[in-house]
Amino acid sequence: LPRAAAPRPAPAPAGNAQRSFPFTVDDQEYQGTLEFDDGSVRLQRLPQDIVPLAIHHDMGPIVHTYQSIVALPVRMLVRLETTEPEEFEFDIVAY
């Protein structure tokens, strides 16, 4: 299976912006674009020759650290990271 290899991007810009990043699949370089909008991030459509279905784009933007965007079959994962702890309404949930 092909696997996308990309460097860890710089911190997200404040406000609305787009940031392109290079990534490699099967020794061929491509460009991806992340779209930032007031705390959310969305992965724009990747080239159809490496990602036939646009599920990663149709997923929409993510806004929480527990959400992710997945682009298959190149196995690209986009997720948010923060240096500030998130505050939750509950300390623990047990079943």
Protein backbone atom coordinates (compact mmCIF):
# COMPACT_ATOMS: atom_id res chain seq x y z
CA LEU A 1 0.00 0.00 0.00
CA PRO A 2 1.25 3.50 -0.73
CA ARG A 3 2.01 5.70 2.23
CA ALA A 4 2.17 9.48 2.29
CA ALA A 5 5.26 10.90 3.93
CA ALA A 6 5.23 14.55 4.95
CA PRO A 7 7.07 16.67 7.52
CA ARG A 8 5.24 17.90 10.61
CA PRO A 9 3.74 21.27 9.65
CA ALA A 10 4.32 24.53 11.48
CA PRO A 11 1.67 25.80 13.92
CA ALA A 12 -1.64 26.81 12.38
CA PRO A 13 -2.01 30.47 11.47
CA ALA A 14 -4.61 32.57 13.28
CA GLY A 15 -7.77 33.53 11.41
CA ASN A 16 -8.48 32.34 7.88
CA ALA A 17 -5.58 31.03 5.80
CA GLN A 18 -4.33 28.24 3.57
CA ARG A 19 -1.02 26.45 3.86
CA SER A 20 0.43 24.12 1.24
CA PHE A 21 2.72 21.27 2.19
CA PRO A 22 4.74 18.76 0.16
CA PHE A 23 4.28 15.03 0.60
CA THR A 24 5.65 11.96 -1.14
CA VAL A 25 3.80 8.85 -2.36
CA ASP A 26 5.75 6.06 -4.08
CA ASP A 27 8.78 8.35 -4.57
CA GLN A 28 6.68 11.01 -6.34
CA GLU A 29 6.17 14.42 -4.73
CA TYR A 30 2.74 16.06 -4.47
CA GLN A 31 1.32 19.20 -2.85
CA GLY A 32 -1.48 19.17 -0.31
CA THR A 33 -3.31 22.18 1.09
CA LEU A 34 -4.70 22.70 4.57
CA GLU A 35 -7.42 25.32 4.93
CA PHE A 36 -7.61 27.05 8.32
CA ASP A 37 -10.70 28.95 9.48
CA ASP A 38 -10.89 30.30 13.05
CA GLY A 39 -9.66 27.19 14.85
CA SER A 40 -10.81 24.56 12.35
CA VAL A 41 -8.77 22.82 9.67
CA ARG A 42 -9.83 21.11 6.44
CA LEU A 43 -7.78 19.10 3.96
CA GLN A 44 -8.48 20.22 0.41
CA ARG A 45 -9.01 17.65 -2.32
CA LEU A 46 -5.87 15.62 -3.03
CA PRO A 47 -4.98 14.50 -6.60
CA GLN A 48 -7.43 11.91 -7.91
CA ASP A 49 -4.66 9.66 -9.27
CA ILE A 50 -3.47 8.88 -5.70
CA VAL A 51 -6.77 9.33 -3.80
CA PRO A 52 -9.65 8.24 -6.08
CA LEU A 53 -12.44 9.08 -3.62
CA ALA A 54 -12.73 12.51 -2.00
CA ILE A 55 -13.86 11.17 1.39
CA HIS A 56 -11.11 13.14 3.16
CA HIS A 57 -12.54 16.38 1.72
CA ASP A 58 -16.18 15.40 2.26
CA MET A 59 -15.48 14.81 5.97
CA GLY A 60 -15.42 18.58 6.40
CA PRO A 61 -13.34 20.59 8.84
CA ILE A 62 -12.16 19.34 12.21
CA VAL A 63 -12.12 21.51 15.33
CA HIS A 64 -11.28 19.19 18.26
CA THR A 65 -8.11 17.25 19.10
CA TYR A 66 -10.04 13.96 19.15
CA GLN A 67 -11.13 14.40 15.51
CA SER A 68 -9.07 13.48 12.46
CA ILE A 69 -9.13 13.52 8.67
CA VAL A 70 -8.01 10.37 6.86
CA ALA A 71 -7.04 10.15 3.18
CA LEU A 72 -6.92 6.62 1.77
CA PRO A 73 -5.26 4.70 0.17
CA VAL A 74 -2.22 6.95 0.79
CA ARG A 75 -2.76 6.64 4.57
CA MET A 76 -2.51 10.37 5.31
CA LEU A 77 -3.75 11.46 8.72
CA VAL A 78 -4.49 15.06 9.72
CA ARG A 79 -5.21 15.84 13.36
CA LEU A 80 -5.06 18.82 15.66
CA GLU A 81 -2.58 19.08 18.50
CA THR A 82 -2.56 21.63 21.27
CA THR A 83 -0.19 22.64 24.02
CA GLU A 84 -3.09 23.74 26.21
CA PRO A 85 -5.10 21.10 28.09
CA GLU A 86 -8.73 20.79 27.03
CA GLU A 87 -11.36 21.28 29.69
CA PHE A 88 -14.09 18.67 29.81
CA GLU A 89 -17.37 18.70 31.68
CA PHE A 90 -16.57 15.29 33.25
CA ASP A 91 -13.39 14.11 34.93
CA ILE A 92 -14.09 10.43 34.23
CA VAL A 93 -16.79 8.25 32.73
CA ALA A 94 -17.09 4.58 33.80
CA TYR A 95 -19.40 1.92 32.40
